[in-house]
Amino acid sequence: MSTFARPITNGTLTVIVPIYNERGTVRASLDAILAKRIPGWQMEFILIESNSTDGTREIVTSYQTHQGVHLILEDSPRGKGHAVRAGLTRATGDVILIQDADLEYDVEDYDILLAPIAAGRQSFVLGSRHGDGGWAIRKFDDQPIRALTLNLAHWTFTFMVNLCLGVWLRDPFTMYKVFRRDAIAGLRFECDRFDFDWELVMKLVRKGHRPIEIPINYKSRSFSEGKKIRMFRDPVTWLYALIKYRFQPL
């Protein structure tokens, strides 16, 4: 059992949902997220809409009166990390879960991800996209070369993170990061894009919160379906984050 963990009863789960240009999936995604209930838990939903250009904002604002919803409307898109950081400032739950609005992940996995934290066995859990035991996370039928490139890059960067932190993780960059809110107490976050995944994991691990990985359901989407990673520019920010947050004082 982690020295930082203790059982949680009658707790509140905060689900942080960064949203930008997801008109094709946002309604179905939010319907599923907001309908999710976990026995013994209250639900808090923080939706951060980053001034989409495709009509997503109008859809998202229609959910602002839904029970448990807190809506943050950003004046410009500054990246997923920036949106999540805005959500963290509003979170009041005992546990925080990060959730996209693109239907790649399954909200039915909330229960298994939350269970070790609720039982007091862990303070930090990752939902591993290697649910079937395979090595390839992304499988794009229409873009196989890009999928192969991303899968190879995933393992390369995962090896770097493991080497730097002295851990053995298979999927540190999964979106499903679930952690006690008090685990991030005293930590300051600054990344705006997908490098936030690196910053969050590295700072939590360095603080002593070693995650366990639990297999989840995952259905990857391709770039033609809306994936937003920049294949050449984002990896530069990841390498910078690796070096910076390995040695920067917490």
Protein backbone atom coordinates (compact mmCIF):
# COMPACT_ATOMS: atom_id res chain seq x y z
CA MET A 1 0.00 0.00 0.00
CA SER A 2 1.29 3.47 -0.86
CA THR A 3 2.24 5.55 2.16
CA PHE A 4 0.16 8.32 0.60
CA ALA A 5 -3.00 6.24 0.28
CA ARG A 6 -5.89 5.64 2.62
CA PRO A 7 -9.42 4.35 1.99
CA ILE A 8 -12.03 6.79 0.69
CA THR A 9 -15.69 6.33 1.54
CA ASN A 10 -18.55 8.46 0.24
CA GLY A 11 -16.07 10.40 -1.86
CA THR A 12 -16.40 12.72 -4.84
CA LEU A 13 -14.86 12.01 -8.23
CA THR A 14 -13.96 15.04 -10.35
CA VAL A 15 -13.92 14.33 -14.09
CA ILE A 16 -11.97 16.96 -16.03
CA VAL A 17 -12.90 17.15 -19.73
CA PRO A 18 -10.82 19.38 -22.06
CA ILE A 19 -12.73 20.02 -25.29
CA TYR A 20 -11.67 21.59 -28.59
CA ASN A 21 -13.09 21.05 -32.10
CA GLU A 22 -14.93 17.81 -31.33
CA ARG A 23 -18.28 18.50 -32.98
CA GLY A 24 -18.53 14.98 -34.37
CA THR A 25 -18.09 13.22 -31.02
CA VAL A 26 -18.71 15.69 -28.20
CA ARG A 27 -22.44 15.14 -27.77
CA ALA A 28 -22.19 11.35 -27.59
CA SER A 29 -19.14 11.63 -25.37
CA LEU A 30 -20.69 14.07 -22.91
CA ASP A 31 -23.93 12.11 -22.78
CA ALA A 32 -21.95 9.04 -21.71
CA ILE A 33 -19.73 10.93 -19.27
CA LEU A 34 -22.54 12.81 -17.55
CA ALA A 35 -24.69 9.69 -17.28
CA LYS A 36 -21.92 7.77 -15.52
CA ARG A 37 -22.59 6.86 -11.91
CA ILE A 38 -20.43 4.91 -9.47
CA PRO A 39 -22.05 3.47 -6.31
CA GLY A 40 -20.97 5.34 -3.21
CA TRP A 41 -19.49 8.28 -5.14
CA GLN A 42 -20.66 11.78 -5.98
CA MET A 43 -19.72 13.06 -9.43
CA GLU A 44 -18.31 16.46 -10.36
CA PHE A 45 -17.77 17.30 -14.04
CA ILE A 46 -15.55 20.17 -15.16
CA LEU A 47 -15.87 20.92 -18.88
CA ILE A 48 -13.25 23.21 -20.39
CA GLU A 49 -14.17 24.43 -23.87
CA SER A 50 -11.27 26.15 -25.66
CA ASN A 51 -13.13 28.38 -28.13
CA SER A 52 -13.64 25.81 -30.87
CA THR A 53 -14.11 26.90 -34.48
CA ASP A 54 -16.41 24.07 -35.61
CA GLY A 55 -19.53 24.65 -33.50
CA THR A 56 -18.41 22.54 -30.53
CA ARG A 57 -18.82 25.42 -28.07
CA GLU A 58 -22.51 25.76 -28.82
CA ILE A 59 -23.02 22.06 -28.12
CA VAL A 60 -21.00 22.15 -24.90
CA THR A 61 -22.80 25.19 -23.46
CA SER A 62 -26.10 23.32 -23.73
CA TYR A 63 -24.84 21.07 -20.90
CA GLN A 64 -24.02 23.84 -18.44
CA THR A 65 -27.21 23.36 -16.41
CA HIS A 66 -26.65 19.61 -16.04
CA GLN A 67 -26.32 18.48 -12.44
CA GLY A 68 -22.71 18.53 -11.27
CA VAL A 69 -21.35 20.39 -14.30
CA HIS A 70 -18.94 23.32 -14.02
CA LEU A 71 -18.24 24.96 -17.37
CA ILE A 72 -15.06 26.88 -18.17
CA LEU A 73 -15.06 28.83 -21.45
CA GLU A 74 -11.55 29.73 -22.58
CA ASP A 75 -11.11 32.73 -24.83
CA SER A 76 -8.60 30.98 -27.10
CA PRO A 77 -7.22 27.46 -27.69
CA ARG A 78 -3.94 27.11 -25.79
CA GLY A 79 -3.67 23.35 -25.72
CA LYS A 80 -5.01 20.35 -23.84
CA GLY A 81 -2.57 20.82 -20.98
CA HIS A 82 -3.66 24.40 -20.45
CA ALA A 83 -7.31 23.30 -20.38
CA VAL A 84 -6.63 20.52 -17.87
CA ARG A 85 -4.68 22.92 -15.67
CA ALA A 86 -7.67 25.27 -15.69
CA GLY A 87 -9.84 22.35 -14.63
CA LEU A 88 -7.51 21.42 -11.79
CA THR A 89 -7.94 24.87 -10.26
CA ARG A 90 -11.70 24.24 -10.01
CA ALA A 91 -11.61 20.60 -8.87
CA THR A 92 -13.00 19.88 -5.41
CA GLY A 93 -13.27 16.08 -5.52
CA ASP A 94 -11.28 13.60 -3.47
CA VAL A 95 -10.11 11.95 -6.70
CA ILE A 96 -9.47 13.42 -10.16
CA LEU A 97 -9.86 11.65 -13.52
CA ILE A 98 -8.94 13.19 -16.89
CA GLN A 99 -11.29 12.38 -19.79
CA ASP A 100 -11.25 13.44 -23.45
CA ALA A 101 -14.37 14.07 -25.51
CA ASP A 102 -13.41 11.99 -28.55
CA LEU A 103 -14.84 8.52 -27.76
CA GLU A 104 -11.43 6.79 -27.75
CA TYR A 105 -11.90 5.78 -24.11
CA ASP A 106 -14.75 3.93 -22.37
CA VAL A 107 -16.38 5.51 -19.30
CA GLU A 108 -17.29 2.01 -18.09
CA ASP A 109 -13.63 1.70 -17.06
CA TYR A 110 -14.05 4.34 -14.34
CA ASP A 111 -15.03 1.71 -11.77
CA ILE A 112 -11.92 -0.46 -12.14
CA LEU A 113 -9.62 2.56 -12.25
CA LEU A 114 -11.13 4.08 -9.13
CA ALA A 115 -11.28 0.87 -7.06
CA PRO A 116 -7.60 0.73 -5.90
CA ILE A 117 -7.74 4.36 -4.82
CA ALA A 118 -11.04 3.95 -3.02
CA ALA A 119 -9.65 0.92 -1.18
CA GLY A 120 -6.61 2.89 -0.07
CA ARG A 121 -4.13 0.69 -1.95
CA GLN A 122 -2.98 3.39 -4.39
CA SER A 123 -2.93 7.14 -4.77
CA PHE A 124 -2.26 7.15 -8.55
CA VAL A 125 -3.60 4.85 -11.28
CA LEU A 126 -3.01 4.74 -15.04
CA GLY A 127 -5.40 3.15 -17.52
CA SER A 128 -3.15 1.17 -19.86
CA ARG A 129 -4.21 1.13 -23.50
CA HIS A 130 -2.44 -2.23 -23.92
CA GLY A 131 -5.62 -3.89 -22.77
CA ASP A 132 -5.21 -6.89 -25.09
CA GLY A 133 -1.55 -7.37 -24.26
CA GLY A 134 -0.34 -6.24 -27.69
CA TRP A 135 2.45 -3.79 -28.37
CA ALA A 136 0.54 -1.53 -30.78
CA ILE A 137 -1.78 1.04 -29.23
CA ARG A 138 -2.75 2.82 -32.42
CA LYS A 139 -4.19 1.01 -35.41
CA PHE A 140 -5.23 3.37 -38.19
CA ASP A 141 -6.75 1.46 -41.12
CA ASP A 142 -6.45 4.53 -43.34
CA GLN A 143 -2.98 5.63 -42.12
CA PRO A 144 -0.92 2.50 -41.25
CA ILE A 145 2.48 4.19 -41.61
CA ARG A 146 1.53 6.97 -39.23
CA ALA A 147 0.19 4.40 -36.78
CA LEU A 148 3.44 2.43 -36.93
CA THR A 149 5.47 5.62 -36.42
CA LEU A 150 3.44 6.61 -33.38
CA ASN A 151 3.65 3.13 -31.87
CA LEU A 152 7.42 3.02 -32.25
CA ALA A 153 7.70 6.54 -30.82
CA HIS A 154 5.50 5.51 -27.89
CA TRP A 155 7.87 2.72 -26.86
CA THR A 156 10.94 4.90 -27.37
CA PHE A 157 9.59 7.67 -25.17
CA THR A 158 8.22 5.18 -22.63
CA PHE A 159 11.70 3.67 -22.29
CA MET A 160 13.11 7.16 -21.69
CA VAL A 161 10.59 7.91 -18.95
CA ASN A 162 11.16 4.55 -17.27
CA LEU A 163 14.91 5.00 -17.38
CA CYS A 164 14.78 8.51 -15.96
CA LEU A 165 12.33 7.70 -13.16
CA GLY A 166 13.39 4.16 -12.28
CA VAL A 167 9.93 2.72 -12.95
CA TRP A 168 8.51 0.17 -15.36
CA LEU A 169 5.41 1.52 -17.07
CA ARG A 170 3.86 0.45 -20.36
CA ASP A 171 1.64 3.46 -21.00
CA PRO A 172 2.63 6.58 -19.05
CA PHE A 173 1.05 8.81 -21.71
CA THR A 174 -2.48 7.44 -21.44
CA MET A 175 -5.17 10.03 -20.97
CA TYR A 176 -6.76 8.02 -18.15
CA LYS A 177 -4.75 9.32 -15.23
CA VAL A 178 -6.62 8.93 -11.95
CA PHE A 179 -5.17 10.29 -8.73
CA ARG A 180 -6.06 11.61 -5.31
CA ARG A 181 -6.42 15.38 -5.41
CA ASP A 182 -4.17 15.74 -2.38
CA ALA A 183 -1.41 13.96 -4.35
CA ILE A 184 -0.85 17.13 -6.40
CA ALA A 185 -0.89 19.45 -3.39
CA GLY A 186 2.12 21.75 -3.56
CA LEU A 187 2.86 20.94 -7.21
CA ARG A 188 2.78 23.66 -9.84
CA PHE A 189 2.03 22.72 -13.44
CA GLU A 190 2.95 24.77 -16.49
CA CYS A 191 2.70 22.71 -19.70
CA ASP A 192 0.04 23.65 -22.24
CA ARG A 193 -0.01 20.83 -24.77
CA PHE A 194 0.47 17.07 -24.60
CA ASP A 195 3.71 17.58 -22.70
CA PHE A 196 1.42 18.03 -19.70
CA ASP A 197 1.14 14.20 -19.63
CA TRP A 198 4.89 14.02 -19.08
CA GLU A 199 4.89 16.78 -16.49
CA LEU A 200 2.07 15.25 -14.44
CA VAL A 201 3.49 11.72 -14.39
CA MET A 202 7.05 12.79 -13.68
CA LYS A 203 6.10 15.14 -10.86
CA LEU A 204 3.77 12.65 -9.19
CA VAL A 205 6.31 9.83 -9.40
CA ARG A 206 9.10 12.03 -8.10
CA LYS A 207 6.83 13.04 -5.22
CA GLY A 208 6.49 9.36 -4.31
CA HIS A 209 3.21 8.39 -5.99
CA ARG A 210 4.11 5.28 -8.00
CA PRO A 211 1.19 4.34 -10.23
CA ILE A 212 -0.20 0.94 -11.04
CA GLU A 213 -1.47 0.29 -14.57
CA ILE A 214 -4.87 -1.26 -15.20
CA PRO A 215 -5.87 -2.46 -18.71
CA ILE A 216 -8.70 -0.46 -20.26
CA ASN A 217 -10.77 -0.45 -23.41
CA TYR A 218 -9.36 1.81 -26.09
CA LYS A 219 -10.35 2.55 -29.69
CA SER A 220 -7.80 4.80 -31.38
CA ARG A 221 -8.79 7.36 -33.97
CA SER A 222 -6.58 8.50 -36.83
CA PHE A 223 -5.52 11.98 -37.87
CA SER A 224 -8.24 12.01 -40.53
CA GLU A 225 -10.72 11.39 -37.70
CA GLY A 226 -9.47 14.30 -35.62
CA LYS A 227 -6.32 13.28 -33.73
CA LYS A 228 -4.48 16.47 -32.75
CA ILE A 229 -0.90 15.39 -32.01
CA ARG A 230 1.67 17.21 -34.17
CA MET A 231 4.00 14.40 -35.23
CA PHE A 232 7.13 16.50 -35.61
CA ARG A 233 6.66 19.47 -33.28
CA ASP A 234 5.15 17.80 -30.20
CA PRO A 235 7.98 15.28 -29.67
CA VAL A 236 10.38 18.20 -29.25
CA THR A 237 8.28 19.49 -26.34
CA TRP A 238 8.20 15.97 -24.85
CA LEU A 239 11.98 15.69 -24.83
CA TYR A 240 12.26 19.12 -23.26
CA ALA A 241 9.73 18.11 -20.60
CA LEU A 242 11.66 14.88 -19.92
CA ILE A 243 14.85 16.78 -19.16
CA LYS A 244 13.23 19.68 -17.33
CA TYR A 245 10.92 17.76 -15.01
CA ARG A 246 13.47 15.08 -14.21
CA PHE A 247 15.77 17.63 -12.62
CA GLN A 248 13.65 20.69 -11.80
CA PRO A 249 12.99 20.98 -8.06
CA LEU A 250 9.43 20.04 -7.16
